[in-house]
C-alpha cells in the first residue's frame, strides 16, 4: 500500500510539473500575441509619417514594406493564419494609393499610375459581398478617390493617358479632340466630390 501511495504521489508531482510548464507556455504565448504588432500596419504608419514630413523616397520604401508584409502574410502557413490576424487587403490598397501619391510628388507619373492601378485591383469598391453596408460604402468611397485621382492624373498628363489607352489618342489624327466617354468629369466616379 505504501508503494502504491508513493507511486501516485510521484505521478502527481510529474503532472503538476507538466501542468506548470504548459501554463507557462500558454502565458508566454498569450503575452506574445498581446504585444504583437502587425508589420503591415507599422510600415504603413511609418510611410504616412514620412509622406507628411516630405520625405517621398522614404515614404515609398515604407509603403513597399507594408505591401510586402501583406503579400508575405497571404502566403503564410495555416498555423500562422490560425494564430495571427488575417492580412488587411484594404490597408494594402491604401498603401498602394499612398505610394502612388508619393510617386506623383516625385514627378514619377508612370509609377504613380501603376500604384493607383494596383490599389484598384485590391479594392475595386464593388466586389465585397459579406460586409455591412457601412463597410461597403467606405470601401467604395476609397476606390472612388483612387479613380478620381487617376482621372485627374490622366487629365493633367495626356501622355500617361495615351500610354494606358485612355484620353487623347496622340498620333492618331484626333488632334485636341477628346475621345468620347473618357474625359474625366468634375465628380469622383459616380459620387459627389464633396462627400470625399
N, C-alpha and C. Protein backbone atom coordinates (compact mmCIF):
# COMPACT_ATOMS: atom_id res chain seq x y z
N UNK A 1 0.81 -1.18 0.00
CA UNK A 1 0.00 0.00 0.00
C UNK A 1 0.86 1.26 0.00
N UNK A 2 1.96 1.24 0.72
CA UNK A 2 2.88 2.37 0.76
C UNK A 2 3.49 2.63 -0.61
N UNK A 3 3.80 1.53 -1.33
CA UNK A 3 4.36 1.69 -2.67
C UNK A 3 3.35 2.33 -3.61
N UNK A 4 2.10 1.95 -3.46
CA UNK A 4 1.05 2.50 -4.30
C UNK A 4 0.86 4.00 -4.04
N UNK A 5 0.91 4.39 -2.78
CA UNK A 5 0.77 5.81 -2.42
C UNK A 5 1.95 6.60 -2.95
N UNK A 6 3.15 6.08 -2.81
CA UNK A 6 4.34 6.78 -3.30
C UNK A 6 4.34 6.86 -4.82
N UNK A 7 3.80 5.81 -5.48
CA UNK A 7 3.70 5.81 -6.94
C UNK A 7 2.79 6.95 -7.41
N UNK A 8 1.59 7.07 -6.79
CA UNK A 8 0.66 8.12 -7.16
C UNK A 8 1.19 9.51 -6.78
N UNK A 9 1.91 9.61 -5.69
CA UNK A 9 2.49 10.89 -5.28
C UNK A 9 3.53 11.35 -6.29
N UNK A 10 4.34 10.40 -6.78
CA UNK A 10 5.36 10.73 -7.79
C UNK A 10 4.68 11.16 -9.10
N UNK A 11 3.61 10.44 -9.48
CA UNK A 11 2.87 10.78 -10.70
C UNK A 11 2.22 12.18 -10.56
N UNK A 12 1.70 12.44 -9.40
CA UNK A 12 1.05 13.72 -9.17
C UNK A 12 2.06 14.86 -9.29
N UNK A 13 3.25 14.68 -8.77
CA UNK A 13 4.29 15.71 -8.90
C UNK A 13 4.66 15.91 -10.37
N UNK A 14 4.76 14.80 -11.09
CA UNK A 14 5.10 14.89 -12.50
C UNK A 14 4.01 15.67 -13.26
N UNK A 15 2.74 15.37 -12.98
CA UNK A 15 1.65 16.05 -13.66
C UNK A 15 1.57 17.53 -13.26
N UNK A 16 1.91 17.84 -12.04
CA UNK A 16 1.96 19.24 -11.61
C UNK A 16 3.05 20.00 -12.36
N UNK A 17 4.20 19.36 -12.52
CA UNK A 17 5.29 19.98 -13.27
C UNK A 17 4.89 20.19 -14.73
N UNK A 18 4.27 19.16 -15.34
CA UNK A 18 3.82 19.28 -16.73
C UNK A 18 2.77 20.38 -16.85
N UNK A 19 1.81 20.42 -15.94
CA UNK A 19 0.77 21.45 -15.98
C UNK A 19 1.38 22.84 -15.80
N UNK A 20 2.36 22.98 -14.93
CA UNK A 20 3.02 24.27 -14.73
C UNK A 20 3.75 24.70 -15.99
N UNK A 21 4.43 23.76 -16.66
CA UNK A 21 5.13 24.09 -17.91
C UNK A 21 4.16 24.49 -19.01
N UNK A 22 3.08 23.75 -19.16
CA UNK A 22 2.08 24.08 -20.16
C UNK A 22 1.46 25.44 -19.86
N UNK A 23 1.16 25.70 -18.61
CA UNK A 23 0.62 27.00 -18.22
C UNK A 23 1.58 28.14 -18.53
N UNK A 24 2.88 27.92 -18.25
CA UNK A 24 3.88 28.95 -18.53
C UNK A 24 3.98 29.20 -20.04
N UNK A 25 3.93 28.12 -20.83
CA UNK A 25 3.98 28.29 -22.28
C UNK A 25 2.76 29.04 -22.81
N UNK A 26 1.58 28.70 -22.29
CA UNK A 26 0.37 29.40 -22.71
C UNK A 26 0.40 30.87 -22.30
N UNK A 27 0.91 31.15 -21.11
CA UNK A 27 1.03 32.52 -20.65
C UNK A 27 2.01 33.31 -21.52
N UNK A 28 3.15 32.70 -21.86
CA UNK A 28 4.12 33.36 -22.72
C UNK A 28 3.54 33.59 -24.12
N UNK A 29 2.81 32.59 -24.64
CA UNK A 29 2.18 32.75 -25.95
C UNK A 29 1.12 33.84 -25.94
N UNK A 30 0.33 33.90 -24.88
CA UNK A 30 -0.67 34.94 -24.76
C UNK A 30 -0.05 36.33 -24.69
N UNK A 31 1.04 36.45 -23.95
CA UNK A 31 1.73 37.73 -23.87
C UNK A 31 2.29 38.13 -25.24
N UNK A 32 2.85 37.13 -25.96
CA UNK A 32 3.39 37.40 -27.30
C UNK A 32 2.29 37.93 -28.22
N UNK A 33 1.12 37.31 -28.18
CA UNK A 33 0.01 37.78 -29.03
C UNK A 33 -0.49 39.15 -28.60
N UNK A 34 -0.47 39.41 -27.29
CA UNK A 34 -0.90 40.70 -26.79
C UNK A 34 0.05 41.81 -27.25
N UNK A 35 1.35 41.52 -27.25
CA UNK A 35 2.35 42.52 -27.60
C UNK A 35 2.63 42.56 -29.11
N UNK A 36 2.10 41.60 -29.87
CA UNK A 36 2.39 41.51 -31.30
C UNK A 36 1.81 42.69 -32.06
N UNK A 37 2.58 43.23 -32.97
CA UNK A 37 2.12 44.31 -33.83
C UNK A 37 2.28 43.87 -35.27
N UNK A 38 1.32 44.24 -36.08
CA UNK A 38 1.34 43.88 -37.49
C UNK A 38 2.41 44.71 -38.21
N UNK A 39 3.37 44.05 -38.86
CA UNK A 39 4.35 44.83 -39.63
C UNK A 39 3.69 45.59 -40.78
N UNK A 40 2.61 45.05 -41.32
CA UNK A 40 1.90 45.74 -42.40
C UNK A 40 1.39 47.10 -41.91
N UNK A 41 0.81 47.13 -40.73
CA UNK A 41 0.28 48.37 -40.17
C UNK A 41 1.42 49.31 -39.76
N UNK A 42 2.44 48.75 -39.12
CA UNK A 42 3.55 49.58 -38.66
C UNK A 42 4.25 50.28 -39.83
N UNK A 43 4.54 49.54 -40.89
CA UNK A 43 5.21 50.15 -42.05
C UNK A 43 4.31 51.17 -42.74
N UNK A 44 3.01 50.89 -42.79
CA UNK A 44 2.09 51.85 -43.39
C UNK A 44 2.11 53.16 -42.60
N UNK A 45 2.05 53.06 -41.28
CA UNK A 45 2.06 54.27 -40.44
C UNK A 45 3.37 55.05 -40.59
N UNK A 46 4.50 54.32 -40.69
CA UNK A 46 5.78 54.99 -40.91
C UNK A 46 5.80 55.68 -42.27
N UNK A 47 5.18 55.04 -43.27
CA UNK A 47 5.10 55.66 -44.59
C UNK A 47 4.29 56.94 -44.58
N UNK A 48 3.19 56.93 -43.84
CA UNK A 48 2.37 58.14 -43.72
C UNK A 48 3.17 59.26 -43.05
N UNK A 49 3.91 58.93 -42.00
CA UNK A 49 4.72 59.96 -41.32
C UNK A 49 5.78 60.53 -42.26
N UNK A 50 6.46 59.65 -43.01
CA UNK A 50 7.48 60.12 -43.94
C UNK A 50 6.85 60.98 -45.03
N UNK A 51 5.68 60.60 -45.51
CA UNK A 51 4.97 61.38 -46.53
C UNK A 51 4.63 62.76 -45.97
N UNK A 52 4.10 62.80 -44.77
CA UNK A 52 3.73 64.09 -44.15
C UNK A 52 4.95 64.97 -43.91
N UNK A 53 6.12 64.34 -43.69
CA UNK A 53 7.35 65.10 -43.48
C UNK A 53 8.03 65.48 -44.80
N UNK A 54 7.46 65.06 -45.92
CA UNK A 54 8.01 65.42 -47.22
C UNK A 54 9.13 64.53 -47.71
N UNK A 55 9.38 63.43 -47.03
CA UNK A 55 10.45 62.50 -47.44
C UNK A 55 9.84 61.41 -48.32
N UNK A 56 9.64 61.71 -49.60
CA UNK A 56 8.94 60.80 -50.50
C UNK A 56 9.69 59.49 -50.75
N UNK A 57 11.02 59.50 -50.95
CA UNK A 57 11.70 58.21 -51.14
C UNK A 57 11.55 57.29 -49.92
N UNK A 58 11.64 57.84 -48.74
CA UNK A 58 11.46 57.03 -47.52
C UNK A 58 10.03 56.55 -47.40
N UNK A 59 9.08 57.40 -47.74
CA UNK A 59 7.67 57.00 -47.69
C UNK A 59 7.41 55.84 -48.65
N UNK A 60 7.96 55.93 -49.84
CA UNK A 60 7.78 54.85 -50.83
C UNK A 60 8.37 53.54 -50.30
N UNK A 61 9.53 53.62 -49.66
CA UNK A 61 10.15 52.41 -49.10
C UNK A 61 9.25 51.79 -48.02
N UNK A 62 8.71 52.60 -47.16
CA UNK A 62 7.83 52.08 -46.10
C UNK A 62 6.54 51.49 -46.69
N UNK A 63 5.97 52.15 -47.67
CA UNK A 63 4.76 51.59 -48.29
C UNK A 63 5.07 50.27 -48.98
N UNK A 64 6.25 50.20 -49.61
CA UNK A 64 6.66 48.93 -50.22
C UNK A 64 6.80 47.83 -49.18
N UNK A 65 7.35 48.17 -48.02
CA UNK A 65 7.50 47.17 -46.95
C UNK A 65 6.14 46.75 -46.41
N UNK A 66 5.20 47.67 -46.32
CA UNK A 66 3.85 47.33 -45.87
C UNK A 66 3.19 46.38 -46.86
N UNK A 67 3.36 46.66 -48.14
CA UNK A 67 2.79 45.80 -49.19
C UNK A 67 3.46 44.43 -49.16
N UNK A 68 4.78 44.40 -48.95
CA UNK A 68 5.50 43.11 -48.87
C UNK A 68 5.02 42.30 -47.65
N UNK A 69 4.77 42.97 -46.54
CA UNK A 69 4.25 42.27 -45.35
C UNK A 69 2.88 41.69 -45.63
N UNK A 70 2.06 42.41 -46.38
CA UNK A 70 0.74 41.91 -46.77
C UNK A 70 0.89 40.65 -47.62
N UNK A 71 1.74 40.73 -48.62
CA UNK A 71 1.94 39.57 -49.51
C UNK A 71 2.49 38.37 -48.76
N UNK A 72 3.42 38.63 -47.87
CA UNK A 72 4.01 37.54 -47.08
C UNK A 72 2.96 36.88 -46.20
N UNK A 73 2.10 37.67 -45.61
CA UNK A 73 1.05 37.13 -44.75
C UNK A 73 0.03 36.30 -45.53
N UNK A 74 -0.21 36.68 -46.79
CA UNK A 74 -1.17 35.91 -47.59
C UNK A 74 -0.61 34.56 -47.98
N UNK A 75 0.72 34.42 -47.97
CA UNK A 75 1.36 33.15 -48.32
C UNK A 75 1.78 32.34 -47.10
N UNK A 76 1.41 32.78 -45.92
CA UNK A 76 1.83 32.12 -44.69
C UNK A 76 1.15 30.76 -44.54
N UNK A 77 1.73 29.94 -43.69
CA UNK A 77 1.18 28.60 -43.43
C UNK A 77 -0.15 28.72 -42.69
N UNK A 78 -0.88 27.62 -42.66
CA UNK A 78 -2.18 27.62 -42.00
C UNK A 78 -2.03 27.86 -40.50
N UNK A 79 -0.91 27.44 -39.91
CA UNK A 79 -0.69 27.66 -38.48
C UNK A 79 -0.57 29.16 -38.22
N UNK A 80 0.20 29.84 -39.06
CA UNK A 80 0.38 31.28 -38.91
C UNK A 80 -0.96 32.00 -39.08
N UNK A 81 -1.73 31.60 -40.08
CA UNK A 81 -3.03 32.23 -40.31
C UNK A 81 -4.01 31.95 -39.18
N UNK A 82 -3.84 30.79 -38.51
CA UNK A 82 -4.71 30.44 -37.39
C UNK A 82 -4.39 31.29 -36.17
N UNK A 83 -3.12 31.56 -35.94
CA UNK A 83 -2.68 32.27 -34.73
C UNK A 83 -2.79 33.79 -34.89
N UNK A 84 -2.32 34.30 -36.01
CA UNK A 84 -2.24 35.75 -36.19
C UNK A 84 -3.43 36.26 -37.00
N UNK A 85 -3.74 37.55 -36.88
CA UNK A 85 -4.85 38.12 -37.65
C UNK A 85 -4.59 38.03 -39.15
N UNK A 86 -5.66 38.04 -39.92
CA UNK A 86 -5.55 37.99 -41.38
C UNK A 86 -4.90 39.28 -41.88
N UNK A 87 -4.17 39.20 -43.00
CA UNK A 87 -3.61 40.43 -43.58
C UNK A 87 -4.75 41.33 -44.06
N UNK A 88 -4.52 42.61 -44.04
CA UNK A 88 -5.56 43.59 -44.34
C UNK A 88 -5.46 44.03 -45.80
N UNK A 89 -6.38 43.54 -46.62
CA UNK A 89 -6.40 43.85 -48.05
C UNK A 89 -6.69 45.34 -48.28
N UNK A 90 -7.58 45.89 -47.48
CA UNK A 90 -7.92 47.31 -47.60
C UNK A 90 -6.70 48.18 -47.32
N UNK A 91 -5.93 47.81 -46.30
CA UNK A 91 -4.73 48.58 -45.96
C UNK A 91 -3.69 48.45 -47.07
N UNK A 92 -3.58 47.29 -47.68
CA UNK A 92 -2.65 47.12 -48.80
C UNK A 92 -3.06 48.02 -49.96
N UNK A 93 -4.36 48.12 -50.23
CA UNK A 93 -4.83 49.02 -51.29
C UNK A 93 -4.50 50.46 -50.95
N UNK A 94 -4.68 50.83 -49.69
CA UNK A 94 -4.35 52.20 -49.28
C UNK A 94 -2.84 52.46 -49.37
N UNK A 95 -2.03 51.44 -49.07
CA UNK A 95 -0.57 51.60 -49.19
C UNK A 95 -0.19 51.85 -50.64
N UNK A 96 -0.80 51.12 -51.57
CA UNK A 96 -0.53 51.37 -52.98
C UNK A 96 -0.96 52.79 -53.37
N UNK A 97 -2.11 53.23 -52.87
CA UNK A 97 -2.60 54.57 -53.19
C UNK A 97 -1.64 55.63 -52.66
N UNK A 98 -1.23 55.50 -51.41
CA UNK A 98 -0.30 56.47 -50.82
C UNK A 98 1.05 56.43 -51.53
N UNK A 99 1.47 55.24 -51.92
CA UNK A 99 2.73 55.10 -52.67
C UNK A 99 2.60 55.84 -54.00
N UNK A 100 1.45 55.72 -54.66
CA UNK A 100 1.23 56.44 -55.91
C UNK A 100 1.28 57.94 -55.71
N UNK A 101 0.70 58.43 -54.62
CA UNK A 101 0.75 59.86 -54.33
C UNK A 101 2.19 60.31 -54.10
N UNK A 102 3.00 59.48 -53.43
CA UNK A 102 4.40 59.83 -53.21
C UNK A 102 5.16 59.85 -54.54
N UNK A 103 4.86 58.89 -55.42
CA UNK A 103 5.49 58.91 -56.75
C UNK A 103 5.09 60.17 -57.51
N UNK A 104 3.86 60.59 -57.36
CA UNK A 104 3.39 61.80 -58.03
C UNK A 104 4.15 63.02 -57.51
N UNK A 105 4.39 63.06 -56.20
CA UNK A 105 5.17 64.16 -55.63
C UNK A 105 6.60 64.17 -56.17
N UNK A 106 7.11 62.98 -56.49
CA UNK A 106 8.46 62.85 -57.07
C UNK A 106 8.46 63.03 -58.58
N UNK A 107 7.31 63.36 -59.14
CA UNK A 107 7.15 63.56 -60.58
C UNK A 107 7.46 62.27 -61.36
N UNK A 108 6.98 61.15 -60.83
CA UNK A 108 7.14 59.85 -61.46
C UNK A 108 5.75 59.33 -61.83
N UNK A 109 5.19 59.93 -62.89
CA UNK A 109 3.80 59.66 -63.25
C UNK A 109 3.58 58.20 -63.63
N UNK A 110 4.54 57.57 -64.31
CA UNK A 110 4.35 56.18 -64.73
C UNK A 110 4.20 55.27 -63.52
N UNK A 111 5.05 55.47 -62.53
CA UNK A 111 4.99 54.66 -61.31
C UNK A 111 3.72 54.97 -60.52
N UNK A 112 3.30 56.21 -60.57
CA UNK A 112 2.06 56.60 -59.89
C UNK A 112 0.87 55.86 -60.49
N UNK A 113 0.80 55.82 -61.81
CA UNK A 113 -0.31 55.14 -62.49
C UNK A 113 -0.33 53.66 -62.10
N UNK A 114 0.83 53.02 -62.09
CA UNK A 114 0.89 51.60 -61.73
C UNK A 114 0.44 51.37 -60.29
N UNK A 115 0.84 52.25 -59.39
CA UNK A 115 0.43 52.11 -57.99
C UNK A 115 -1.08 52.31 -57.84
N UNK A 116 -1.63 53.29 -58.52
CA UNK A 116 -3.07 53.50 -58.46
C UNK A 116 -3.83 52.29 -59.01
N UNK A 117 -3.33 51.73 -60.11
CA UNK A 117 -3.99 50.56 -60.70
C UNK A 117 -3.94 49.37 -59.75
N UNK A 118 -2.83 49.18 -59.05
CA UNK A 118 -2.73 48.09 -58.07
C UNK A 118 -3.69 48.31 -56.91
N UNK A 119 -3.83 49.57 -56.51
CA UNK A 119 -4.78 49.88 -55.44
C UNK A 119 -6.20 49.51 -55.86
N UNK A 120 -6.55 49.83 -57.08
CA UNK A 120 -7.89 49.50 -57.57
C UNK A 120 -8.06 47.99 -57.79
N UNK A 121 -6.99 47.29 -58.08
CA UNK A 121 -7.07 45.84 -58.23
C UNK A 121 -7.40 45.20 -56.88
N UNK A 122 -6.81 45.72 -55.81
CA UNK A 122 -7.08 45.17 -54.48
C UNK A 122 -8.42 45.63 -53.94
N UNK A 123 -8.79 46.87 -54.22
CA UNK A 123 -10.08 47.39 -53.74
C UNK A 123 -10.79 48.09 -54.89
N UNK A 124 -11.51 47.33 -55.73
CA UNK A 124 -12.26 47.97 -56.80
C UNK A 124 -13.52 48.68 -56.30
N UNK A 125 -13.87 48.44 -55.04
CA UNK A 125 -15.00 49.14 -54.45
C UNK A 125 -16.33 48.43 -54.57
N UNK A 126 -16.39 47.33 -55.33
CA UNK A 126 -17.70 46.72 -55.53
C UNK A 126 -17.69 45.19 -55.52
N UNK A 127 -16.61 44.57 -55.09
CA UNK A 127 -16.54 43.12 -55.16
C UNK A 127 -16.70 42.43 -53.80
N UNK A 128 -16.99 43.17 -52.76
CA UNK A 128 -17.10 42.59 -51.43
C UNK A 128 -18.55 42.23 -51.15
N UNK A 129 -18.81 41.00 -50.78
CA UNK A 129 -20.18 40.55 -50.60
C UNK A 129 -20.59 40.38 -49.14
N UNK A 130 -19.67 40.03 -48.29
CA UNK A 130 -20.02 39.66 -46.92
C UNK A 130 -19.73 40.77 -45.91
N UNK A 131 -19.89 42.02 -46.30
CA UNK A 131 -19.62 43.14 -45.41
C UNK A 131 -20.91 43.90 -45.11
N UNK A 132 -20.84 44.68 -44.07
CA UNK A 132 -22.00 45.52 -43.72
C UNK A 132 -22.13 46.65 -44.74
N UNK A 133 -23.29 47.25 -44.82
CA UNK A 133 -23.47 48.38 -45.76
C UNK A 133 -22.49 49.53 -45.49
N UNK A 134 -22.17 49.79 -44.23
CA UNK A 134 -21.23 50.86 -43.90
C UNK A 134 -19.84 50.53 -44.42
N UNK A 135 -19.42 49.27 -44.25
CA UNK A 135 -18.10 48.87 -44.74
C UNK A 135 -18.05 48.92 -46.26
N UNK A 136 -19.11 48.47 -46.90
CA UNK A 136 -19.17 48.53 -48.36
C UNK A 136 -19.09 49.96 -48.86
N UNK A 137 -19.79 50.87 -48.19
CA UNK A 137 -19.76 52.27 -48.58
C UNK A 137 -18.35 52.85 -48.40
N UNK A 138 -17.70 52.53 -47.29
CA UNK A 138 -16.35 53.04 -47.04
C UNK A 138 -15.38 52.55 -48.12
N UNK A 139 -15.43 51.25 -48.44
CA UNK A 139 -14.54 50.70 -49.46
C UNK A 139 -14.82 51.30 -50.83
N UNK A 140 -16.09 51.50 -51.12
CA UNK A 140 -16.46 52.11 -52.39
C UNK A 140 -15.94 53.53 -52.48
N UNK A 141 -16.08 54.29 -51.41
CA UNK A 141 -15.59 55.67 -51.41
C UNK A 141 -14.08 55.72 -51.55
N UNK A 142 -13.36 54.80 -50.91
CA UNK A 142 -11.91 54.76 -51.06
C UNK A 142 -11.53 54.49 -52.51
N UNK A 143 -12.24 53.56 -53.15
CA UNK A 143 -11.96 53.25 -54.55
C UNK A 143 -12.29 54.45 -55.45
N UNK A 144 -13.37 55.17 -55.14
CA UNK A 144 -13.72 56.34 -55.93
C UNK A 144 -12.66 57.43 -55.84
N UNK A 145 -12.04 57.59 -54.68
CA UNK A 145 -10.97 58.58 -54.52
C UNK A 145 -9.80 58.21 -55.42
N UNK A 146 -9.43 56.93 -55.44
CA UNK A 146 -8.32 56.49 -56.28
C UNK A 146 -8.67 56.71 -57.75
N UNK A 147 -9.89 56.35 -58.15
CA UNK A 147 -10.31 56.53 -59.54
C UNK A 147 -10.29 58.01 -59.92
N UNK A 148 -10.76 58.84 -59.02
CA UNK A 148 -10.80 60.27 -59.30
C UNK A 148 -9.37 60.82 -59.46
N UNK A 149 -8.46 60.44 -58.56
CA UNK A 149 -7.09 60.91 -58.67
C UNK A 149 -6.43 60.40 -59.95
N UNK A 150 -6.74 59.16 -60.33
CA UNK A 150 -6.20 58.62 -61.57
C UNK A 150 -6.75 59.38 -62.78
N UNK A 151 -8.03 59.71 -62.77
CA UNK A 151 -8.61 60.51 -63.85
C UNK A 151 -7.97 61.90 -63.92
N UNK A 152 -7.73 62.52 -62.76
CA UNK A 152 -7.10 63.83 -62.74
C UNK A 152 -5.66 63.75 -63.25
N UNK A 153 -4.97 62.68 -62.92
CA UNK A 153 -3.61 62.48 -63.43
C UNK A 153 -3.64 62.36 -64.95
N UNK A 154 -4.58 61.57 -65.46
CA UNK A 154 -4.69 61.41 -66.91
C UNK A 154 -5.05 62.74 -67.58
N UNK A 155 -5.87 63.53 -66.93
CA UNK A 155 -6.26 64.83 -67.50
C UNK A 155 -5.06 65.77 -67.54
N UNK A 156 -4.24 65.76 -66.50
CA UNK A 156 -3.09 66.66 -66.46
C UNK A 156 -1.90 66.11 -67.23
N UNK A 157 -1.88 64.81 -67.44
CA UNK A 157 -0.77 64.17 -68.18
C UNK A 157 -1.34 63.33 -69.32
N UNK A 158 -1.71 63.96 -70.44
CA UNK A 158 -2.28 63.20 -71.56
C UNK A 158 -1.35 62.10 -72.08
N UNK A 159 -0.03 62.30 -71.92
CA UNK A 159 0.90 61.26 -72.36
C UNK A 159 0.69 59.96 -71.59
N UNK A 160 0.40 60.07 -70.27
CA UNK A 160 0.13 58.88 -69.47
C UNK A 160 -1.21 58.25 -69.86
N UNK A 161 -2.18 59.10 -70.16
CA UNK A 161 -3.48 58.59 -70.59
C UNK A 161 -3.33 57.82 -71.90
N UNK A 162 -2.54 58.35 -72.82
CA UNK A 162 -2.35 57.67 -74.10
C UNK A 162 -1.63 56.34 -73.91
N UNK A 163 -0.66 56.29 -73.00
CA UNK A 163 0.06 55.04 -72.73
C UNK A 163 -0.87 53.98 -72.17
N UNK A 164 -1.87 54.40 -71.42
CA UNK A 164 -2.80 53.46 -70.81
C UNK A 164 -4.02 53.20 -71.68
N UNK A 165 -4.07 53.86 -72.87
CA UNK A 165 -5.23 53.69 -73.74
C UNK A 165 -6.41 54.53 -73.31
N UNK A 166 -6.16 55.58 -72.56
CA UNK A 166 -7.23 56.46 -72.07
C UNK A 166 -7.03 57.85 -72.66
N UNK A 167 -8.08 58.60 -72.73
CA UNK A 167 -7.99 60.01 -73.09
C UNK A 167 -7.62 60.24 -74.53
N UNK A 168 -6.79 61.26 -74.78
CA UNK A 168 -6.44 61.68 -76.12
C UNK A 168 -5.57 60.61 -76.78
N UNK A 169 -5.86 60.32 -78.01
CA UNK A 169 -5.06 59.37 -78.76
C UNK A 169 -3.99 60.09 -79.54
N UNK A 170 -2.82 60.30 -79.01
CA UNK A 170 -1.74 61.03 -79.67
C UNK A 170 -1.31 60.28 -80.92
N UNK A 171 -1.13 61.04 -81.96
CA UNK A 171 -0.62 60.46 -83.19
C UNK A 171 -1.65 59.67 -83.96
N UNK A 172 -2.91 59.78 -83.63
CA UNK A 172 -3.93 59.01 -84.33
C UNK A 172 -4.91 59.93 -85.05
N UNK A 173 -4.47 61.14 -85.36
CA UNK A 173 -5.30 62.04 -86.13
C UNK A 173 -6.45 62.66 -85.36
N UNK A 174 -6.42 62.64 -84.06
CA UNK A 174 -7.53 63.17 -83.30
C UNK A 174 -7.26 64.58 -82.81
N UNK A 175 -6.04 65.06 -82.95
CA UNK A 175 -5.72 66.42 -82.56
C UNK A 175 -6.04 66.67 -81.10
N UNK A 176 -6.76 67.77 -80.83
CA UNK A 176 -7.10 68.13 -79.47
C UNK A 176 -8.45 67.61 -79.03
N UNK A 177 -9.11 66.84 -79.88
CA UNK A 177 -10.43 66.34 -79.54
C UNK A 177 -10.32 65.17 -78.57
N UNK A 178 -11.11 65.21 -77.51
CA UNK A 178 -11.12 64.15 -76.51
C UNK A 178 -11.92 62.96 -77.02
N UNK A 179 -11.48 61.75 -76.72
CA UNK A 179 -12.21 60.55 -77.10
C UNK A 179 -13.50 60.52 -76.29
N UNK A 180 -14.66 60.31 -76.91
CA UNK A 180 -15.93 60.32 -76.18
C UNK A 180 -15.94 59.32 -75.03
N UNK A 181 -16.44 59.79 -73.89
CA UNK A 181 -16.61 58.91 -72.74
C UNK A 181 -15.39 58.76 -71.86
N UNK A 182 -14.25 59.26 -72.30
CA UNK A 182 -13.04 59.10 -71.50
C UNK A 182 -12.60 60.37 -70.81
N UNK A 183 -13.33 61.47 -71.00
CA UNK A 183 -12.93 62.72 -70.36
C UNK A 183 -13.31 62.67 -68.89
N UNK A 184 -12.33 62.95 -68.01
CA UNK A 184 -12.66 62.96 -66.59
C UNK A 184 -13.68 64.05 -66.28
N UNK A 185 -14.67 63.72 -65.50
CA UNK A 185 -15.68 64.68 -65.12
C UNK A 185 -15.27 65.46 -63.89
N UNK A 186 -16.14 66.32 -63.44
CA UNK A 186 -15.85 67.11 -62.25
C UNK A 186 -16.23 66.36 -60.98
N UNK A 187 -16.82 65.17 -61.10
CA UNK A 187 -17.22 64.37 -59.95
C UNK A 187 -16.34 63.13 -59.85
N UNK A 188 -16.02 62.67 -58.64
CA UNK A 188 -15.23 61.46 -58.49
C UNK A 188 -16.09 60.23 -58.75
N UNK A 189 -15.97 59.66 -59.92
CA UNK A 189 -16.78 58.48 -60.25
C UNK A 189 -18.24 58.85 -60.27
N UNK A 190 -19.07 58.04 -59.64
CA UNK A 190 -20.50 58.29 -59.59
C UNK A 190 -20.90 59.05 -58.33
N UNK A 191 -19.93 59.36 -57.47
CA UNK A 191 -20.25 60.02 -56.21
C UNK A 191 -20.17 61.53 -56.32
N UNK A 192 -20.27 62.15 -55.22
CA UNK A 192 -20.21 63.60 -55.12
C UNK A 192 -18.85 63.98 -54.60
N UNK A 193 -18.20 64.93 -55.23
CA UNK A 193 -16.86 65.34 -54.84
C UNK A 193 -16.82 65.78 -53.38
N UNK A 194 -17.86 66.44 -52.89
CA UNK A 194 -17.87 66.95 -51.52
C UNK A 194 -17.99 65.85 -50.48
N UNK A 195 -18.41 64.64 -50.88
CA UNK A 195 -18.52 63.52 -49.94
C UNK A 195 -17.18 62.93 -49.60
N UNK A 196 -16.17 63.21 -50.39
CA UNK A 196 -14.87 62.54 -50.21
C UNK A 196 -13.89 63.37 -49.47
